[in-house]
Every structure is written in structure tokens, then in C-alpha cells.
Amino acid sequence: MPTPLTYPEFHALLVVPPVLALAVLTWRRHRTPLGFRLGALGVAVVTVLAVGYTAPWDRLLIEQGVWSYGDGRVAHWLWGIPLGELLFFVLQPLLTALWTFQVDGPVVEGVAHSRRARLGGALAGLAVSGVGVALLAGQSTLYLGAILVWAGPVLALQWAVGWRYLLRVRRRVALAVGIPTLYLWVIDRFAIADGVWVISETYTTGLAVVGLPVEEMAFFLVTNLFVVQGLLLLPWVAHRLRRPTADRSDRPVPEVTGR
């Protein structure tokens, strides 16, 4: 009978190898579509924010009993969170960022983003949190509600900055988000089946796809959206800031065709 995986072994087997492979691919290209410095800055900022923003939320849900860990799977804890989980907050953004570098392209110009568009983007993100607040009222929807409440402010900020640009490069967004999300869904399902972590039946809806709770699917989807949208918006914002003041007007301008 195979020996059950510990949390560090899960990373060593299923998370670190694709991160290293993508790092080598990025290095061999000698540059990222963002440019090395901007790309490195983007990864650093996204990672720091991921750890700082996720850790308190994660600890709260662990204390609530939304999920737990199998016997002997966690050896070390820090701030009430397994060390392997804190490591996940670093490895996942890195994995998704390195994949994004493989599929990203140059900045698409000619995308207007007015004050009204910024307000609409912010409100749309806050609406996500609003749905989450409503779901928190039910015990079986607590986990899903917590995800949406937590995700809404980040989505509000990113969509306020440039949802029109993200819509313009939606194929990049879909590809950059889709592949790592599918991979993380697969290995998450494996970890649950192996008992590395256990998702509470009390605080989840019971809805699942091939055994993977929809709450876990939602978590990896929104977290990868955070990373990808941040990395795609960064060069666009930097490009706009470098343009002359007259060119940075929020007045609509014709969009270019092609990519």
C-alpha cells in the first residue's frame, strides 16, 4: 500500500517540478513579454500580496474547521497555518506567473478606460463580495461565501484599473488562467483523495465535479485570476504612464485590430 503523502511531499512531487520547468523555459527565452525587470517586479508584488492577503483569511477558515489535514501530513505550523500551506501561497502565484509569461504578448494599444468604466469595474467586484456576504448566512455555503467575500475587493481593484483592457486581451486571460487552474484542480483532487487535506462537509454545498468540491474549484479560479489579471494589467498601466499626458486622456479612442 503506498505511503500517504505529507504536505511537503505533495509540493515536491506535484508543484515544484512544473514551476522549475516553466522557470527554465522563461530563462531560455532570456526575457518575458513584460520585460525582465517588470516581470520580476510583477511576480514579487503578486507573491507578497498573495501571502499577506491570504494568510489571515486562511487561518480564520482553518480555525472555523472549514478544512483540516490528515494525520501525520503536517509537521510544522507557523501563525496557525501549516508551513506547506504558506509555501503554497508562494508556489501557486509563481507557477501561474511563469505560465503567463509563456502565453502573454505585447501591450495592445488603443483601449479607452473612462471614469465610468472604472466605477463599473469596482462595483462589479464589490458585487461579488455582496453575493458572498449573502452566502455566509448559510452553514453549507460558508466556504463559498468566504471565497467570494475575500475575492471581491481584489477583483474590484483590478477591474477598476482596466477591465476593458482585460476584455480586449480575453484570449490571453483565458489561456493564462485556464491551464494552471485545470492543473491545480487535478492535483487538488488528488490531495483530497489521498487525505493530505480534508474539506468539511458541514461548511460546503456538497456540489462537486469528479469529486472536487466546487468551492475548491472557485478558490483556484479566482486566485489565478488575481495573478493573471495583475500581470497583464501591469505593462498596460506602465505603458499608459509613459505616454504623454495628452495621450492618456480617458476619451474613447479607436481600438487597433489584431494583437
Protein backbone atom coordinates (compact mmCIF):
# COMPACT_ATOMS: atom_id res chain seq x y z
CA MET A 1 0.00 0.00 0.00
CA PRO A 2 1.50 3.39 -0.99
CA THR A 3 2.67 5.62 1.84
CA PRO A 4 0.38 8.66 2.22
CA LEU A 5 1.91 11.95 1.11
CA THR A 6 2.85 14.66 3.56
CA TYR A 7 2.19 18.28 2.61
CA PRO A 8 5.88 18.94 1.72
CA GLU A 9 5.98 15.75 -0.35
CA PHE A 10 2.87 16.92 -2.22
CA HIS A 11 4.76 20.08 -3.22
CA ALA A 12 7.92 18.19 -4.11
CA LEU A 13 6.05 15.76 -6.34
CA LEU A 14 3.34 17.89 -7.96
CA VAL A 15 4.04 21.62 -7.58
CA VAL A 16 7.78 22.23 -7.64
CA PRO A 17 8.55 20.27 -10.87
CA PRO A 18 6.23 22.32 -13.15
CA VAL A 19 7.46 25.53 -11.51
CA LEU A 20 11.06 24.57 -12.28
CA ALA A 21 10.19 23.52 -15.83
CA LEU A 22 8.44 26.82 -16.54
CA ALA A 23 11.31 28.74 -14.93
CA VAL A 24 13.74 27.04 -17.33
CA LEU A 25 11.51 27.88 -20.31
CA THR A 26 11.34 31.51 -19.20
CA TRP A 27 15.10 31.67 -18.69
CA ARG A 28 15.81 30.18 -22.11
CA ARG A 29 13.75 32.92 -23.71
CA HIS A 30 16.04 35.43 -21.92
CA ARG A 31 13.07 37.70 -21.43
CA THR A 32 9.38 37.75 -20.66
CA PRO A 33 6.79 39.65 -22.70
CA LEU A 34 6.67 42.01 -19.73
CA GLY A 35 10.41 42.60 -19.80
CA PHE A 36 12.65 41.04 -17.16
CA ARG A 37 12.53 43.83 -14.60
CA LEU A 38 8.82 44.49 -14.92
CA GLY A 39 8.08 40.78 -14.93
CA ALA A 40 10.19 40.19 -11.81
CA LEU A 41 8.52 43.15 -10.11
CA GLY A 42 5.10 41.83 -11.02
CA VAL A 43 5.85 38.36 -9.62
CA ALA A 44 7.31 39.82 -6.42
CA VAL A 45 4.32 42.10 -5.85
CA VAL A 46 1.77 39.38 -6.63
CA THR A 47 3.52 36.91 -4.31
CA VAL A 48 3.83 39.32 -1.40
CA LEU A 49 0.18 40.30 -1.75
CA ALA A 50 -0.85 36.64 -2.03
CA VAL A 51 0.86 35.74 1.24
CA GLY A 52 -0.22 38.88 3.09
CA TYR A 53 -3.82 38.85 1.92
CA THR A 54 -4.46 35.11 2.01
CA ALA A 55 -2.79 34.08 5.27
CA PRO A 56 -5.24 35.77 7.71
CA TRP A 57 -8.24 34.53 5.71
CA ASP A 58 -6.78 31.04 5.53
CA ARG A 59 -6.08 30.92 9.26
CA LEU A 60 -9.62 32.03 10.06
CA LEU A 61 -11.14 29.24 7.97
CA ILE A 62 -8.80 26.65 9.47
CA GLU A 63 -9.89 27.74 12.96
CA GLN A 64 -13.53 27.54 11.83
CA GLY A 65 -12.96 23.96 10.68
CA VAL A 66 -13.72 24.56 7.00
CA TRP A 67 -10.87 22.20 6.21
CA SER A 68 -8.38 20.11 8.16
CA TYR A 69 -5.37 17.91 7.48
CA GLY A 70 -4.77 14.19 7.58
CA ASP A 71 -2.85 12.57 10.43
CA GLY A 72 0.88 12.99 10.02
CA ARG A 73 0.55 15.15 6.90
CA VAL A 74 1.65 18.41 8.57
CA ALA A 75 4.82 18.60 10.65
CA HIS A 76 5.30 22.34 11.09
CA TRP A 77 2.93 25.22 11.68
CA LEU A 78 3.50 28.97 11.54
CA TRP A 79 0.92 31.58 12.67
CA GLY A 80 -1.64 28.81 12.95
CA ILE A 81 -1.13 27.75 9.30
CA PRO A 82 0.76 24.68 8.04
CA LEU A 83 4.14 25.63 6.63
CA GLY A 84 3.27 23.72 3.47
CA GLU A 85 0.19 25.89 3.02
CA LEU A 86 2.22 29.09 3.37
CA LEU A 87 4.57 27.65 0.78
CA PHE A 88 1.56 27.11 -1.49
CA PHE A 89 0.84 30.86 -1.28
CA VAL A 90 4.26 31.39 -2.89
CA LEU A 91 4.40 28.48 -5.32
CA GLN A 92 0.97 28.91 -6.88
CA PRO A 93 1.48 32.57 -7.94
CA LEU A 94 4.91 31.62 -9.23
CA LEU A 95 3.53 28.69 -11.23
CA THR A 96 0.75 30.79 -12.76
CA ALA A 97 3.03 33.78 -13.41
CA LEU A 98 5.65 31.68 -15.19
CA TRP A 99 2.93 30.13 -17.35
CA THR A 100 1.52 33.59 -18.10
CA PHE A 101 4.95 34.63 -19.39
CA GLN A 102 4.74 31.81 -21.94
CA VAL A 103 1.44 32.96 -23.44
CA ASP A 104 1.47 36.74 -22.97
CA GLY A 105 2.20 39.20 -25.76
CA PRO A 106 2.88 42.88 -26.33
CA VAL A 107 0.66 45.59 -24.93
CA VAL A 108 -2.46 46.19 -27.01
CA GLU A 109 -2.90 49.92 -27.52
CA GLY A 110 -5.98 52.00 -28.11
CA VAL A 111 -8.10 50.71 -25.23
CA ALA A 112 -10.02 53.53 -23.53
CA HIS A 113 -10.94 53.22 -19.85
CA SER A 114 -13.10 56.07 -18.64
CA ARG A 115 -14.01 57.08 -15.09
CA ARG A 116 -17.40 55.47 -15.64
CA ALA A 117 -15.68 52.25 -16.67
CA ARG A 118 -13.53 52.34 -13.54
CA LEU A 119 -16.58 52.80 -11.36
CA GLY A 120 -18.41 50.00 -13.13
CA GLY A 121 -15.45 47.65 -12.65
CA ALA A 122 -15.20 48.47 -8.97
CA LEU A 123 -18.92 47.93 -8.45
CA ALA A 124 -18.82 44.61 -10.27
CA GLY A 125 -16.05 43.38 -7.98
CA LEU A 126 -17.87 44.57 -4.89
CA ALA A 127 -20.99 42.79 -6.13
CA VAL A 128 -19.01 39.55 -5.94
CA SER A 129 -18.39 40.27 -2.27
CA GLY A 130 -22.07 41.12 -1.86
CA VAL A 131 -23.06 37.67 -3.10
CA GLY A 132 -20.50 36.21 -0.73
CA VAL A 133 -21.97 38.06 2.24
CA ALA A 134 -25.38 36.60 1.44
CA LEU A 135 -23.91 33.09 1.25
CA LEU A 136 -22.20 33.45 4.63
CA ALA A 137 -25.64 33.32 6.23
CA GLY A 138 -25.93 29.60 5.44
CA GLN A 139 -23.76 26.98 7.12
CA SER A 140 -23.39 24.85 3.99
CA THR A 141 -22.45 27.88 1.88
CA LEU A 142 -19.97 29.36 4.35
CA TYR A 143 -16.84 28.28 2.44
CA LEU A 144 -18.14 29.50 -0.91
CA GLY A 145 -19.31 32.75 0.66
CA ALA A 146 -15.95 33.28 2.34
CA ILE A 147 -14.19 32.85 -1.01
CA LEU A 148 -16.40 35.43 -2.73
CA VAL A 149 -16.23 37.96 0.11
CA TRP A 150 -12.43 37.65 0.12
CA ALA A 151 -12.10 37.75 -3.69
CA GLY A 152 -14.37 40.74 -4.32
CA PRO A 153 -12.05 43.58 -3.20
CA VAL A 154 -9.16 42.32 -5.32
CA LEU A 155 -11.38 41.88 -8.36
CA ALA A 156 -12.88 45.32 -7.74
CA LEU A 157 -9.42 46.91 -7.77
CA GLN A 158 -8.23 45.08 -10.87
CA TRP A 159 -11.44 45.65 -12.83
CA ALA A 160 -11.47 49.32 -11.83
CA VAL A 161 -7.94 49.66 -13.18
CA GLY A 162 -8.63 48.05 -16.53
CA TRP A 163 -11.49 45.63 -17.14
CA ARG A 164 -11.81 46.98 -20.68
CA TYR A 165 -8.20 46.05 -21.36
CA LEU A 166 -8.69 42.61 -19.85
CA LEU A 167 -11.70 42.14 -22.09
CA ARG A 168 -9.62 43.22 -25.08
CA VAL A 169 -6.99 40.56 -24.32
CA ARG A 170 -9.52 37.99 -23.11
CA ARG A 171 -7.93 35.17 -25.09
CA ARG A 172 -4.68 35.72 -23.23
CA VAL A 173 -6.55 35.87 -19.95
CA ALA A 174 -8.44 32.65 -20.69
CA LEU A 175 -5.31 30.73 -21.70
CA ALA A 176 -3.17 32.09 -18.86
CA VAL A 177 -5.84 31.32 -16.26
CA GLY A 178 -7.27 28.14 -17.74
CA ILE A 179 -4.23 25.85 -17.96
CA PRO A 180 -2.81 26.31 -14.44
CA THR A 181 -6.32 26.26 -12.99
CA LEU A 182 -7.05 22.90 -14.61
CA TYR A 183 -3.73 21.54 -13.36
CA LEU A 184 -4.35 22.78 -9.82
CA TRP A 185 -7.84 21.27 -9.87
CA VAL A 186 -6.34 17.90 -10.78
CA ILE A 187 -3.68 17.91 -8.07
CA ASP A 188 -6.13 19.30 -5.52
CA ARG A 189 -8.46 16.40 -6.26
CA PHE A 190 -5.51 14.04 -5.81
CA ALA A 191 -4.59 15.63 -2.46
CA ILE A 192 -8.16 15.34 -1.20
CA ALA A 193 -8.38 11.69 -2.28
CA ASP A 194 -5.05 10.97 -0.61
CA GLY A 195 -6.13 12.73 2.57
CA VAL A 196 -3.48 15.44 2.60
CA TRP A 197 -6.31 17.82 3.44
CA VAL A 198 -9.96 17.20 4.20
CA ILE A 199 -12.76 19.58 3.17
CA SER A 200 -15.56 19.84 5.71
CA GLU A 201 -18.96 18.56 4.61
CA THR A 202 -20.60 20.88 7.13
CA TYR A 203 -19.44 24.12 5.53
CA THR A 204 -19.68 23.13 1.86
CA THR A 205 -22.59 22.71 -0.52
CA GLY A 206 -21.81 19.11 -1.39
CA LEU A 207 -21.64 20.01 -5.08
CA ALA A 208 -18.60 18.54 -6.80
CA VAL A 209 -17.19 17.85 -10.25
CA VAL A 210 -15.44 14.48 -10.49
CA GLY A 211 -15.11 14.52 -6.73
CA LEU A 212 -13.68 18.03 -6.48
CA PRO A 213 -15.82 20.40 -4.40
CA VAL A 214 -17.00 23.46 -6.32
CA GLU A 215 -15.61 25.61 -3.52
CA GLU A 216 -12.09 24.37 -4.24
CA MET A 217 -12.66 24.96 -7.94
CA ALA A 218 -13.78 28.52 -7.21
CA PHE A 219 -10.76 29.17 -4.99
CA PHE A 220 -8.17 28.21 -7.57
CA LEU A 221 -10.05 30.01 -10.32
CA VAL A 222 -10.21 33.35 -8.50
CA THR A 223 -6.65 33.15 -7.18
CA ASN A 224 -5.31 32.53 -10.66
CA LEU A 225 -7.44 35.42 -11.93
CA PHE A 226 -5.72 37.63 -9.36
CA VAL A 227 -2.28 36.65 -10.66
CA VAL A 228 -3.01 36.76 -14.38
CA GLN A 229 -5.03 39.96 -14.36
CA GLY A 230 -2.38 41.69 -12.27
CA LEU A 231 0.44 40.65 -14.59
CA LEU A 232 -1.46 41.60 -17.76
CA LEU A 233 -2.54 44.97 -16.39
CA LEU A 234 0.92 45.92 -15.14
CA PRO A 235 2.60 46.56 -18.53
CA TRP A 236 -0.53 48.25 -19.87
CA VAL A 237 -0.61 50.66 -16.94
CA ALA A 238 3.14 51.26 -17.24
CA HIS A 239 2.73 51.95 -20.97
CA ARG A 240 -0.05 54.45 -20.33
CA LEU A 241 2.03 56.24 -17.71
CA ARG A 242 4.91 56.60 -20.15
CA ARG A 243 2.71 58.20 -22.78
CA PRO A 244 2.38 62.00 -22.99
CA THR A 245 -0.37 63.45 -20.81
CA ALA A 246 -2.49 64.31 -23.82
CA ASP A 247 -2.46 60.66 -24.90
CA ARG A 248 -3.59 59.42 -21.53
CA SER A 249 -6.97 61.05 -21.84
CA ASP A 250 -9.94 58.94 -20.85
CA ARG A 251 -11.71 59.98 -24.01
CA PRO A 252 -12.51 56.98 -26.23
CA VAL A 253 -10.02 56.33 -28.98
CA PRO A 254 -10.21 53.86 -31.86
CA GLU A 255 -9.01 50.38 -30.97
CA VAL A 256 -6.40 48.74 -33.12
CA THR A 257 -7.16 45.40 -34.70
CA GLY A 258 -5.00 42.37 -34.29
CA ARG A 259 -2.68 41.62 -31.39
